PDB file of N, CA and C in Angstrom:
ATOM      1  N   MET A   1     -11.257  -8.570   4.007  1.00  0.00           N
ATOM      2  CA  MET A   1     -11.287  -7.883   2.731  1.00  0.00           C
ATOM      3  C   MET A   1     -12.066  -8.748   1.740  1.00  0.00           C
ATOM      4  N   GLU A   2     -12.903  -8.092   0.989  1.00  0.00           N
ATOM      5  CA  GLU A   2     -13.683  -8.778  -0.032  1.00  0.00           C
ATOM      6  C   GLU A   2     -12.849  -8.944  -1.307  1.00  0.00           C
ATOM      7  N   THR A   3     -13.225  -9.904  -2.108  1.00  0.00           N
ATOM      8  CA  THR A   3     -12.504 -10.202  -3.343  1.00  0.00           C
ATOM      9  C   THR A   3     -12.403  -8.975  -4.245  1.00  0.00           C
ATOM     10  N   GLN A   4     -13.494  -8.217  -4.405  1.00  0.00           N
ATOM     11  CA  GLN A   4     -13.467  -7.053  -5.294  1.00  0.00           C
ATOM     12  C   GLN A   4     -12.498  -5.984  -4.794  1.00  0.00           C
ATOM     13  N   GLN A   5     -12.408  -5.813  -3.476  1.00  0.00           N
ATOM     14  CA  GLN A   5     -11.443  -4.861  -2.917  1.00  0.00           C
ATOM     15  C   GLN A   5     -10.019  -5.329  -3.201  1.00  0.00           C
ATOM     16  N   ALA A   6      -9.771  -6.612  -3.042  1.00  0.00           N
ATOM     17  CA  ALA A   6      -8.438  -7.157  -3.313  1.00  0.00           C
ATOM     18  C   ALA A   6      -8.085  -6.980  -4.785  1.00  0.00           C
ATOM     19  N   LEU A   7      -9.039  -7.222  -5.658  1.00  0.00           N
ATOM     20  CA  LEU A   7      -8.782  -7.042  -7.085  1.00  0.00           C
ATOM     21  C   LEU A   7      -8.432  -5.595  -7.405  1.00  0.00           C
ATOM     22  N   GLY A   8      -9.103  -4.654  -6.753  1.00  0.00           N
ATOM     23  CA  GLY A   8      -8.783  -3.241  -6.951  1.00  0.00           C
ATOM     24  C   GLY A   8      -7.373  -2.912  -6.487  1.00  0.00           C
ATOM     25  N   ALA A   9      -6.969  -3.491  -5.358  1.00  0.00           N
ATOM     26  CA  ALA A   9      -5.614  -3.256  -4.856  1.00  0.00           C
ATOM     27  C   ALA A   9      -4.580  -3.866  -5.793  1.00  0.00           C
ATOM     28  N   PHE A  10      -4.835  -5.072  -6.257  1.00  0.00           N
ATOM     29  CA  PHE A  10      -3.896  -5.712  -7.184  1.00  0.00           C
ATOM     30  C   PHE A  10      -3.804  -4.928  -8.490  1.00  0.00           C
ATOM     31  N   ALA A  11      -4.931  -4.428  -8.972  1.00  0.00           N
ATOM     32  CA  ALA A  11      -4.924  -3.630 -10.203  1.00  0.00           C
ATOM     33  C   ALA A  11      -4.092  -2.370 -10.003  1.00  0.00           C
ATOM     34  N   ALA A  12      -4.238  -1.740  -8.845  1.00  0.00           N
ATOM     35  CA  ALA A  12      -3.467  -0.526  -8.565  1.00  0.00           C
ATOM     36  C   ALA A  12      -1.974  -0.821  -8.524  1.00  0.00           C
ATOM     37  N   LEU A  13      -1.609  -1.955  -7.951  1.00  0.00           N
ATOM     38  CA  LEU A  13      -0.193  -2.304  -7.820  1.00  0.00           C
ATOM     39  C   LEU A  13       0.408  -2.892  -9.096  1.00  0.00           C
ATOM     40  N   SER A  14      -0.425  -3.165 -10.083  1.00  0.00           N
ATOM     41  CA  SER A  14       0.077  -3.836 -11.288  1.00  0.00           C
ATOM     42  C   SER A  14       0.688  -2.876 -12.311  1.00  0.00           C
ATOM     43  N   GLN A  15       0.875  -1.631 -11.921  1.00  0.00           N
ATOM     44  CA  GLN A  15       1.490  -0.644 -12.795  1.00  0.00           C
ATOM     45  C   GLN A  15       2.820  -0.222 -12.168  1.00  0.00           C
ATOM     46  N   GLU A  16       3.850  -0.111 -12.968  1.00  0.00           N
ATOM     47  CA  GLU A  16       5.221   0.097 -12.475  1.00  0.00           C
ATOM     48  C   GLU A  16       5.393   1.325 -11.577  1.00  0.00           C
ATOM     49  N   THR A  17       4.870   2.470 -11.989  1.00  0.00           N
ATOM     50  CA  THR A  17       5.033   3.684 -11.191  1.00  0.00           C
ATOM     51  C   THR A  17       4.284   3.578  -9.874  1.00  0.00           C
ATOM     52  N   ARG A  18       3.073   3.021  -9.907  1.00  0.00           N
ATOM     53  CA  ARG A  18       2.303   2.871  -8.671  1.00  0.00           C
ATOM     54  C   ARG A  18       2.985   1.900  -7.722  1.00  0.00           C
ATOM     55  N   LEU A  19       3.519   0.812  -8.245  1.00  0.00           N
ATOM     56  CA  LEU A  19       4.220  -0.141  -7.390  1.00  0.00           C
ATOM     57  C   LEU A  19       5.453   0.513  -6.762  1.00  0.00           C
ATOM     58  N   ALA A  20       6.183   1.282  -7.544  1.00  0.00           N
ATOM     59  CA  ALA A  20       7.371   1.968  -7.023  1.00  0.00           C
ATOM     60  C   ALA A  20       6.977   2.981  -5.944  1.00  0.00           C
ATOM     61  N   ALA A  21       5.909   3.724  -6.176  1.00  0.00           N
ATOM     62  CA  ALA A  21       5.455   4.707  -5.188  1.00  0.00           C
ATOM     63  C   ALA A  21       5.006   4.008  -3.908  1.00  0.00           C
ATOM     64  N   PHE A  22       4.278   2.927  -4.043  1.00  0.00           N
ATOM     65  CA  PHE A  22       3.813   2.178  -2.874  1.00  0.00           C
ATOM     66  C   PHE A  22       4.998   1.638  -2.070  1.00  0.00           C
ATOM     67  N   ARG A  23       5.966   1.076  -2.750  1.00  0.00           N
ATOM     68  CA  ARG A  23       7.141   0.535  -2.055  1.00  0.00           C
ATOM     69  C   ARG A  23       7.930   1.643  -1.364  1.00  0.00           C
ATOM     70  N   LEU A  24       8.057   2.787  -2.022  1.00  0.00           N
ATOM     71  CA  LEU A  24       8.736   3.925  -1.417  1.00  0.00           C
ATOM     72  C   LEU A  24       8.006   4.366  -0.144  1.00  0.00           C
ATOM     73  N   LEU A  25       6.691   4.463  -0.223  1.00  0.00           N
ATOM     74  CA  LEU A  25       5.913   4.890   0.937  1.00  0.00           C
ATOM     75  C   LEU A  25       5.932   3.847   2.048  1.00  0.00           C
ATOM     76  N   MET A  26       5.975   2.577   1.704  1.00  0.00           N
ATOM     77  CA  MET A  26       6.103   1.530   2.726  1.00  0.00           C
ATOM     78  C   MET A  26       7.441   1.689   3.446  1.00  0.00           C
ATOM     79  N   ALA A  27       8.493   1.994   2.710  1.00  0.00           N
ATOM     80  CA  ALA A  27       9.814   2.166   3.308  1.00  0.00           C
ATOM     81  C   ALA A  27       9.850   3.393   4.223  1.00  0.00           C
ATOM     82  N   GLU A  28       9.115   4.426   3.882  1.00  0.00           N
ATOM     83  CA  GLU A  28       9.100   5.654   4.680  1.00  0.00           C
ATOM     84  C   GLU A  28       8.318   5.490   5.975  1.00  0.00           C
ATOM     85  N   GLY A  29       7.357   4.604   5.991  1.00  0.00           N
ATOM     86  CA  GLY A  29       6.562   4.407   7.204  1.00  0.00           C
ATOM     87  C   GLY A  29       5.436   5.413   7.318  1.00  0.00           C
ATOM     88  N   PRO A  30       4.877   5.533   8.522  1.00  0.00           N
ATOM     89  CA  PRO A  30       3.659   6.325   8.708  1.00  0.00           C
ATOM     90  C   PRO A  30       3.826   7.834   8.525  1.00  0.00           C
ATOM     91  N   THR A  31       5.046   8.346   8.542  1.00  0.00           N
ATOM     92  CA  THR A  31       5.226   9.789   8.352  1.00  0.00           C
ATOM     93  C   THR A  31       4.965  10.205   6.910  1.00  0.00           C
ATOM     94  N   GLY A  32       5.216   9.324   5.961  1.00  0.00           N
ATOM     95  CA  GLY A  32       4.950   9.616   4.564  1.00  0.00           C
ATOM     96  C   GLY A  32       5.882  10.643   3.958  1.00  0.00           C
ATOM     97  N   LEU A  33       5.512  11.092   2.786  1.00  0.00           N
ATOM     98  CA  LEU A  33       6.319  12.058   2.023  1.00  0.00           C
ATOM     99  C   LEU A  33       5.406  13.018   1.278  1.00  0.00           C
ATOM    100  N   PRO A  34       5.876  14.240   1.037  1.00  0.00           N
ATOM    101  CA  PRO A  34       5.136  15.154   0.179  1.00  0.00           C
ATOM    102  C   PRO A  34       5.123  14.628  -1.260  1.00  0.00           C
ATOM    103  N   ALA A  35       4.059  14.924  -1.964  1.00  0.00           N
ATOM    104  CA  ALA A  35       3.915  14.447  -3.343  1.00  0.00           C
ATOM    105  C   ALA A  35       5.107  14.857  -4.205  1.00  0.00           C
ATOM    106  N   GLY A  36       5.571  16.075  -4.037  1.00  0.00           N
ATOM    107  CA  GLY A  36       6.706  16.547  -4.841  1.00  0.00           C
ATOM    108  C   GLY A  36       7.966  15.734  -4.617  1.00  0.00           C
ATOM    109  N   GLU A  37       8.207  15.339  -3.388  1.00  0.00           N
ATOM    110  CA  GLU A  37       9.389  14.535  -3.101  1.00  0.00           C
ATOM    111  C   GLU A  37       9.263  13.132  -3.684  1.00  0.00           C
ATOM    112  N   ILE A  38       8.058  12.580  -3.626  1.00  0.00           N
ATOM    113  CA  ILE A  38       7.840  11.257  -4.237  1.00  0.00           C
ATOM    114  C   ILE A  38       8.123  11.345  -5.732  1.00  0.00           C
ATOM    115  N   ALA A  39       7.588  12.375  -6.375  1.00  0.00           N
ATOM    116  CA  ALA A  39       7.797  12.565  -7.816  1.00  0.00           C
ATOM    117  C   ALA A  39       9.277  12.687  -8.133  1.00  0.00           C
ATOM    118  N   GLU A  40       9.980  13.461  -7.328  1.00  0.00           N
ATOM    119  CA  GLU A  40      11.410  13.662  -7.555  1.00  0.00           C
ATOM    120  C   GLU A  40      12.187  12.353  -7.393  1.00  0.00           C
ATOM    121  N   ARG A  41      11.899  11.628  -6.333  1.00  0.00           N
ATOM    122  CA  ARG A  41      12.628  10.376  -6.080  1.00  0.00           C
ATOM    123  C   ARG A  41      12.374   9.332  -7.158  1.00  0.00           C
ATOM    124  N   LEU A  42      11.156   9.338  -7.694  1.00  0.00           N
ATOM    125  CA  LEU A  42      10.822   8.344  -8.724  1.00  0.00           C
ATOM    126  C   LEU A  42      11.122   8.832 -10.133  1.00  0.00           C
ATOM    127  N   GLY A  43      11.445  10.115 -10.262  1.00  0.00           N
ATOM    128  CA  GLY A  43      11.735  10.664 -11.587  1.00  0.00           C
ATOM    129  C   GLY A  43      10.505  10.706 -12.477  1.00  0.00           C
ATOM    130  N   VAL A  44       9.371  11.073 -11.867  1.00  0.00           N
ATOM    131  CA  VAL A  44       8.088  11.099 -12.579  1.00  0.00           C
ATOM    132  C   VAL A  44       7.525  12.516 -12.481  1.00  0.00           C
ATOM    133  N   PRO A  45       6.941  13.054 -13.548  1.00  0.00           N
ATOM    134  CA  PRO A  45       6.307  14.366 -13.447  1.00  0.00           C
ATOM    135  C   PRO A  45       5.228  14.358 -12.358  1.00  0.00           C
ATOM    136  N   GLN A  46       5.127  15.462 -11.630  1.00  0.00           N
ATOM    137  CA  GLN A  46       4.189  15.515 -10.509  1.00  0.00           C
ATOM    138  C   GLN A  46       2.742  15.302 -10.954  1.00  0.00           C
ATOM    139  N   SER A  47       2.375  15.804 -12.111  1.00  0.00           N
ATOM    140  CA  SER A  47       1.002  15.621 -12.595  1.00  0.00           C
ATOM    141  C   SER A  47       0.715  14.143 -12.868  1.00  0.00           C
ATOM    142  N   THR A  48       1.680  13.431 -13.403  1.00  0.00           N
ATOM    143  CA  THR A  48       1.527  11.995 -13.644  1.00  0.00           C
ATOM    144  C   THR A  48       1.442  11.250 -12.329  1.00  0.00           C
ATOM    145  N   LEU A  49       2.300  11.623 -11.385  1.00  0.00           N
ATOM    146  CA  LEU A  49       2.313  10.947 -10.094  1.00  0.00           C
ATOM    147  C   LEU A  49       0.991  11.138  -9.366  1.00  0.00           C
ATOM    148  N   SER A  50       0.411  12.307  -9.469  1.00  0.00           N
ATOM    149  CA  SER A  50      -0.861  12.598  -8.809  1.00  0.00           C
ATOM    150  C   SER A  50      -1.930  11.582  -9.222  1.00  0.00           C
ATOM    151  N   PHE A  51      -1.983  11.275 -10.497  1.00  0.00           N
ATOM    152  CA  PHE A  51      -2.932  10.272 -10.996  1.00  0.00           C
ATOM    153  C   PHE A  51      -2.666   8.922 -10.344  1.00  0.00           C
ATOM    154  N   HIS A  52      -1.400   8.515 -10.301  1.00  0.00           N
ATOM    155  CA  HIS A  52      -1.054   7.205  -9.747  1.00  0.00           C
ATOM    156  C   HIS A  52      -1.338   7.133  -8.245  1.00  0.00           C
ATOM    157  N   LEU A  53      -1.029   8.204  -7.524  1.00  0.00           N
ATOM    158  CA  LEU A  53      -1.296   8.202  -6.089  1.00  0.00           C
ATOM    159  C   LEU A  53      -2.791   8.138  -5.804  1.00  0.00           C
ATOM    160  N   SER A  54      -3.589   8.789  -6.630  1.00  0.00           N
ATOM    161  CA  SER A  54      -5.045   8.724  -6.424  1.00  0.00           C
ATOM    162  C   SER A  54      -5.563   7.305  -6.659  1.00  0.00           C
ATOM    163  N   GLN A  55      -4.957   6.587  -7.598  1.00  0.00           N
ATOM    164  CA  GLN A  55      -5.343   5.188  -7.826  1.00  0.00           C
ATOM    165  C   GLN A  55      -5.007   4.334  -6.601  1.00  0.00           C
ATOM    166  N   LEU A  56      -3.835   4.554  -6.029  1.00  0.00           N
ATOM    167  CA  LEU A  56      -3.435   3.811  -4.829  1.00  0.00           C
ATOM    168  C   LEU A  56      -4.329   4.164  -3.640  1.00  0.00           C
ATOM    169  N   GLU A  57      -4.692   5.429  -3.546  1.00  0.00           N
ATOM    170  CA  GLU A  57      -5.565   5.845  -2.450  1.00  0.00           C
ATOM    171  C   GLU A  57      -6.952   5.229  -2.599  1.00  0.00           C
ATOM    172  N   ARG A  58      -7.478   5.235  -3.806  1.00  0.00           N
ATOM    173  CA  ARG A  58      -8.790   4.639  -4.072  1.00  0.00           C
ATOM    174  C   ARG A  58      -8.783   3.143  -3.755  1.00  0.00           C
ATOM    175  N   ALA A  59      -7.634   2.495  -3.933  1.00  0.00           N
ATOM    176  CA  ALA A  59      -7.504   1.061  -3.661  1.00  0.00           C
ATOM    177  C   ALA A  59      -7.294   0.767  -2.175  1.00  0.00           C
ATOM    178  N   GLY A  60      -7.179   1.803  -1.353  1.00  0.00           N
ATOM    179  CA  GLY A  60      -7.009   1.604   0.080  1.00  0.00           C
ATOM    180  C   GLY A  60      -5.591   1.269   0.505  1.00  0.00           C
ATOM    181  N   LEU A  61      -4.621   1.619  -0.335  1.00  0.00           N
ATOM    182  CA  LEU A  61      -3.226   1.314  -0.032  1.00  0.00           C
ATOM    183  C   LEU A  61      -2.411   2.525   0.390  1.00  0.00           C
ATOM    184  N   VAL A  62      -2.952   3.715   0.173  1.00  0.00           N
ATOM    185  CA  VAL A  62      -2.256   4.965   0.467  1.00  0.00           C
ATOM    186  C   VAL A  62      -3.265   5.951   1.069  1.00  0.00           C
ATOM    187  N   THR A  63      -2.798   6.776   1.985  1.00  0.00           N
ATOM    188  CA  THR A  63      -3.624   7.856   2.523  1.00  0.00           C
ATOM    189  C   THR A  63      -2.965   9.187   2.193  1.00  0.00           C
ATOM    190  N   SER A  64      -3.765  10.231   2.161  1.00  0.00           N
ATOM    191  CA  SER A  64      -3.222  11.568   1.922  1.00  0.00           C
ATOM    192  C   SER A  64      -3.704  12.507   3.017  1.00  0.00           C
ATOM    193  N   THR A  65      -2.831  13.457   3.349  1.00  0.00           N
ATOM    194  CA  THR A  65      -3.136  14.459   4.361  1.00  0.00           C
ATOM    195  C   THR A  65      -2.626  15.799   3.859  1.00  0.00           C
ATOM    196  N   ARG A  66      -3.492  16.788   3.890  1.00  0.00           N
ATOM    197  CA  ARG A  66      -3.071  18.124   3.454  1.00  0.00           C
ATOM    198  C   ARG A  66      -2.450  18.839   4.639  1.00  0.00           C
ATOM    199  N   ARG A  67      -1.257  19.385   4.414  1.00  0.00           N
ATOM    200  CA  ARG A  67      -0.566  20.201   5.413  1.00  0.00           C
ATOM    201  C   ARG A  67      -0.146  21.485   4.725  1.00  0.00           C
ATOM    202  N   ALA A  68      -0.857  22.547   5.038  1.00  0.00           N
ATOM    203  CA  ALA A  68      -0.637  23.848   4.409  1.00  0.00           C
ATOM    204  C   ALA A  68      -0.789  23.694   2.897  1.00  0.00           C
ATOM    205  N   ARG A  69       0.267  23.970   2.152  1.00  0.00           N
ATOM    206  CA  ARG A  69       0.189  23.883   0.686  1.00  0.00           C
ATOM    207  C   ARG A  69       0.628  22.533   0.150  1.00  0.00           C
ATOM    208  N   HIS A  70       1.002  21.613   1.030  1.00  0.00           N
ATOM    209  CA  HIS A  70       1.520  20.314   0.603  1.00  0.00           C
ATOM    210  C   HIS A  70       0.539  19.196   0.919  1.00  0.00           C
ATOM    211  N   VAL A  71       0.595  18.172   0.108  1.00  0.00           N
ATOM    212  CA  VAL A  71      -0.162  16.951   0.384  1.00  0.00           C
ATOM    213  C   VAL A  71       0.855  15.866   0.694  1.00  0.00           C
ATOM    214  N   LEU A  72       0.738  15.297   1.894  1.00  0.00           N
ATOM    215  CA  LEU A  72       1.608  14.199   2.292  1.00  0.00           C
ATOM    216  C   LEU A  72       0.905  12.885   2.015  1.00  0.00           C
ATOM    217  N   TYR A  73       1.644  11.954   1.471  1.00  0.00           N
ATOM    218  CA  TYR A  73       1.114  10.619   1.208  1.00  0.00           C
ATOM    219  C   TYR A  73       1.869   9.619   2.065  1.00  0.00           C
ATOM    220  N   ALA A  74       1.139   8.647   2.571  1.00  0.00           N
ATOM    221  CA  ALA A  74       1.739   7.588   3.380  1.00  0.00           C
ATOM    222  C   ALA A  74       1.056   6.271   3.026  1.00  0.00           C
ATOM    223  N   ALA A  75       1.782   5.197   3.212  1.00  0.00           N
ATOM    224  CA  ALA A  75       1.179   3.882   3.008  1.00  0.00           C
ATOM    225  C   ALA A  75       0.078   3.693   4.036  1.00  0.00           C
ATOM    226  N   ASP A  76      -1.047   3.158   3.613  1.00  0.00           N
ATOM    227  CA  ASP A  76      -2.133   2.817   4.524  1.00  0.00           C
ATOM    228  C   ASP A  76      -1.813   1.432   5.074  1.00  0.00           C
ATOM    229  N   LEU A  77      -1.224   1.411   6.246  1.00  0.00           N
ATOM    230  CA  LEU A  77      -0.751   0.143   6.804  1.00  0.00           C
ATOM    231  C   LEU A  77      -1.892  -0.821   7.090  1.00  0.00           C
ATOM    232  N   GLU A  78      -3.029  -0.304   7.525  1.00  0.00           N
ATOM    233  CA  GLU A  78      -4.170  -1.192   7.784  1.00  0.00           C
ATOM    234  C   GLU A  78      -4.702  -1.779   6.476  1.00  0.00           C
ATOM    235  N   GLY A  79      -4.785  -0.960   5.443  1.00  0.00           N
ATOM    236  CA  GLY A  79      -5.219  -1.470   4.135  1.00  0.00           C
ATOM    237  C   GLY A  79      -4.259  -2.519   3.601  1.00  0.00           C
ATOM    238  N   THR A  80      -2.968  -2.293   3.826  1.00  0.00           N
ATOM    239  CA  THR A  80      -1.958  -3.258   3.394  1.00  0.00           C
ATOM    240  C   THR A  80      -2.086  -4.557   4.185  1.00  0.00           C
ATOM    241  N   ARG A  81      -2.321  -4.435   5.492  1.00  0.00           N
ATOM    242  CA  ARG A  81      -2.527  -5.645   6.314  1.00  0.00           C
ATOM    243  C   ARG A  81      -3.736  -6.442   5.838  1.00  0.00           C
ATOM    244  N   ARG A  82      -4.798  -5.721   5.496  1.00  0.00           N
ATOM    245  CA  ARG A  82      -6.004  -6.420   5.008  1.00  0.00           C
ATOM    246  C   ARG A  82      -5.703  -7.177   3.721  1.00  0.00           C
ATOM    247  N   LEU A  83      -4.939  -6.552   2.816  1.00  0.00           N
ATOM    248  CA  LEU A  83      -4.600  -7.217   1.558  1.00  0.00           C
ATOM    249  C   LEU A  83      -3.728  -8.441   1.820  1.00  0.00           C
ATOM    250  N   LEU A  84      -2.735  -8.296   2.679  1.00  0.00           N
ATOM    251  CA  LEU A  84      -1.878  -9.439   3.001  1.00  0.00           C
ATOM    252  C   LEU A  84      -2.668 -10.533   3.708  1.00  0.00           C
ATOM    253  N   GLY A  85      -3.575 -10.128   4.566  1.00  0.00           N
ATOM    254  CA  GLY A  85      -4.427 -11.099   5.235  1.00  0.00           C
ATOM    255  C   GLY A  85      -5.295 -11.853   4.240  1.00  0.00           C
ATOM    256  N   PHE A  86      -5.822 -11.137   3.253  1.00  0.00           N
ATOM    257  CA  PHE A  86      -6.625 -11.770   2.208  1.00  0.00           C
ATOM    258  C   PHE A  86      -5.801 -12.821   1.464  1.00  0.00           C
ATOM    259  N   LEU A  87      -4.553 -12.464   1.155  1.00  0.00           N
ATOM    260  CA  LEU A  87      -3.685 -13.386   0.417  1.00  0.00           C
ATOM    261  C   LEU A  87      -3.346 -14.639   1.217  1.00  0.00           C
ATOM    262  N   THR A  88      -3.213 -14.481   2.517  1.00  0.00           N
ATOM    263  CA  THR A  88      -2.727 -15.592   3.338  1.00  0.00           C
ATOM    264  C   THR A  88      -3.817 -16.251   4.170  1.00  0.00           C
ATOM    265  N   GLU A  89      -5.037 -15.820   3.979  1.00  0.00           N
ATOM    266  CA  GLU A  89      -6.154 -16.310   4.775  1.00  0.00           C
ATOM    267  C   GLU A  89      -6.228 -17.833   4.844  1.00  0.00           C
ATOM    268  N   ASP A  90      -6.019 -18.472   3.751  1.00  0.00           N
ATOM    269  CA  ASP A  90      -6.142 -19.929   3.703  1.00  0.00           C
ATOM    270  C   ASP A  90      -4.797 -20.637   3.650  1.00  0.00           C
ATOM    271  N   CYS A  91      -3.744 -19.916   4.004  1.00  0.00           N
ATOM    272  CA  CYS A  91      -2.404 -20.476   3.938  1.00  0.00           C
ATOM    273  C   CYS A  91      -2.296 -21.734   4.795  1.00  0.00           C
ATOM    274  N   CYS A  92      -1.692 -22.730   4.246  1.00  0.00           N
ATOM    275  CA  CYS A  92      -1.383 -23.961   4.986  1.00  0.00           C
ATOM    276  C   CYS A  92      -2.618 -24.540   5.676  1.00  0.00           C
ATOM    277  N   ARG A  93      -3.704 -24.577   4.931  1.00  0.00           N
ATOM    278  CA  ARG A  93      -4.965 -25.145   5.435  1.00  0.00           C
ATOM    279  C   ARG A  93      -5.450 -24.472   6.711  1.00  0.00           C
ATOM    280  N   GLY A  94      -5.345 -23.146   6.719  1.00  0.00           N
ATOM    281  CA  GLY A  94      -5.831 -22.389   7.855  1.00  0.00           C
ATOM    282  C   GLY A  94      -4.876 -22.322   9.028  1.00  0.00           C
ATOM    283  N   ARG A  95      -3.640 -22.732   8.818  1.00  0.00           N
ATOM    284  CA  ARG A  95      -2.624 -22.697   9.881  1.00  0.00           C
ATOM    285  C   ARG A  95      -1.448 -21.834   9.421  1.00  0.00           C
ATOM    286  N   PRO A  96      -1.623 -20.509   9.412  1.00  0.00           N
ATOM    287  CA  PRO A  96      -0.568 -19.637   8.897  1.00  0.00           C
ATOM    288  C   PRO A  96       0.733 -19.722   9.682  1.00  0.00           C
ATOM    289  N   GLU A  97       0.683 -20.183  10.933  1.00  0.00           N
ATOM    290  CA  GLU A  97       1.917 -20.308  11.715  1.00  0.00           C
ATOM    291  C   GLU A  97       2.894 -21.285  11.069  1.00  0.00           C
ATOM    292  N   VAL A  98       2.394 -22.207  10.262  1.00  0.00           N
ATOM    293  CA  VAL A  98       3.252 -23.151   9.550  1.00  0.00           C
ATOM    294  C   VAL A  98       4.095 -22.412   8.506  1.00  0.00           C
ATOM    295  N   CYS A  99       3.557 -21.338   7.973  1.00  0.00           N
ATOM    296  CA  CYS A  99       4.228 -20.576   6.921  1.00  0.00           C
ATOM    297  C   CYS A  99       5.255 -19.586   7.454  1.00  0.00           C
ATOM    298  N   GLY A 100       5.347 -19.412   8.720  1.00  0.00           N
ATOM    299  CA  GLY A 100       6.352 -18.513   9.289  1.00  0.00           C
ATOM    300  C   GLY A 100       5.748 -17.469  10.197  1.00  0.00           C
ATOM    301  N   THR A 101       6.602 -16.795  10.922  1.00  0.00           N
ATOM    302  CA  THR A 101       6.148 -15.846  11.923  1.00  0.00           C
ATOM    303  C   THR A 101       5.444 -14.634  11.325  1.00  0.00           C
ATOM    304  N   ALA A 102       5.843 -14.180  10.154  1.00  0.00           N
ATOM    305  CA  ALA A 102       5.207 -13.006   9.552  1.00  0.00           C
ATOM    306  C   ALA A 102       3.742 -13.288   9.264  1.00  0.00           C
ATOM    307  N   LEU A 103       3.446 -14.454   8.718  1.00  0.00           N
ATOM    308  CA  LEU A 103       2.065 -14.800   8.413  1.00  0.00           C
ATOM    309  C   LEU A 103       1.279 -15.053   9.685  1.00  0.00           C
ATOM    310  N   ALA A 104       1.891 -15.636  10.686  1.00  0.00           N
ATOM    311  CA  ALA A 104       1.221 -15.864  11.959  1.00  0.00           C
ATOM    312  C   ALA A 104       0.842 -14.525  12.590  1.00  0.00           C
ATOM    313  N   ALA A 105       1.732 -13.549  12.489  1.00  0.00           N
ATOM    314  CA  ALA A 105       1.448 -12.226  13.048  1.00  0.00           C
ATOM    315  C   ALA A 105       0.266 -11.585  12.330  1.00  0.00           C
ATOM    316  N   LEU A 106       0.182 -11.750  11.021  1.00  0.00           N
ATOM    317  CA  LEU A 106      -0.955 -11.213  10.275  1.00  0.00           C
ATOM    318  C   LEU A 106      -2.259 -11.827  10.742  1.00  0.00           C
ATOM    319  N   ALA A 107      -2.202 -13.092  11.091  1.00  0.00           N
ATOM    320  CA  ALA A 107      -3.401 -13.797  11.525  1.00  0.00           C
ATOM    321  C   ALA A 107      -3.687 -13.570  13.007  1.00  0.00           C
ATOM    322  N   GLY A 108      -2.821 -12.815  13.693  1.00  0.00           N
ATOM    323  CA  GLY A 108      -3.010 -12.543  15.099  1.00  0.00           C
ATOM    324  C   GLY A 108      -2.612 -13.701  15.990  1.00  0.00           C
ATOM    325  N   LYS A 109      -1.747 -14.575  15.482  1.00  0.00           N
ATOM    326  CA  LYS A 109      -1.336 -15.749  16.252  1.00  0.00           C
ATOM    327  C   LYS A 109       0.117 -15.677  16.654  1.00  0.00           C
ATOM    328  N   GLY A 110       0.763 -14.542  16.429  1.00  0.00           N
ATOM    329  CA  GLY A 110       2.196 -14.486  16.707  1.00  0.00           C
ATOM    330  C   GLY A 110       2.645 -13.326  17.453  1.00  0.00           C
TER     331      GLY A 110
END
């Protein structure tokens, strides 16, 4: 991941509603949720949520899929891995295994 892409992802996550939506979608996993259900769970108007989800999608952290009249949103796990990899790339002088198994797995060493 390039620095500018990481900055875009961090900017997207730096807003409370977007962070809450991203965390909710991470918890749901690859099946995702319909936009209306996300709005309901977060207590946010659907029109407002639509703006926030588009910001997350543009940042490469969320994907959307149209199913009939509904749009399902899910966390983009590969985009999230790239962001985490960017953050930990230089961890422990290039030895992420020192930082724990989660970071080693991101680096493909675990």
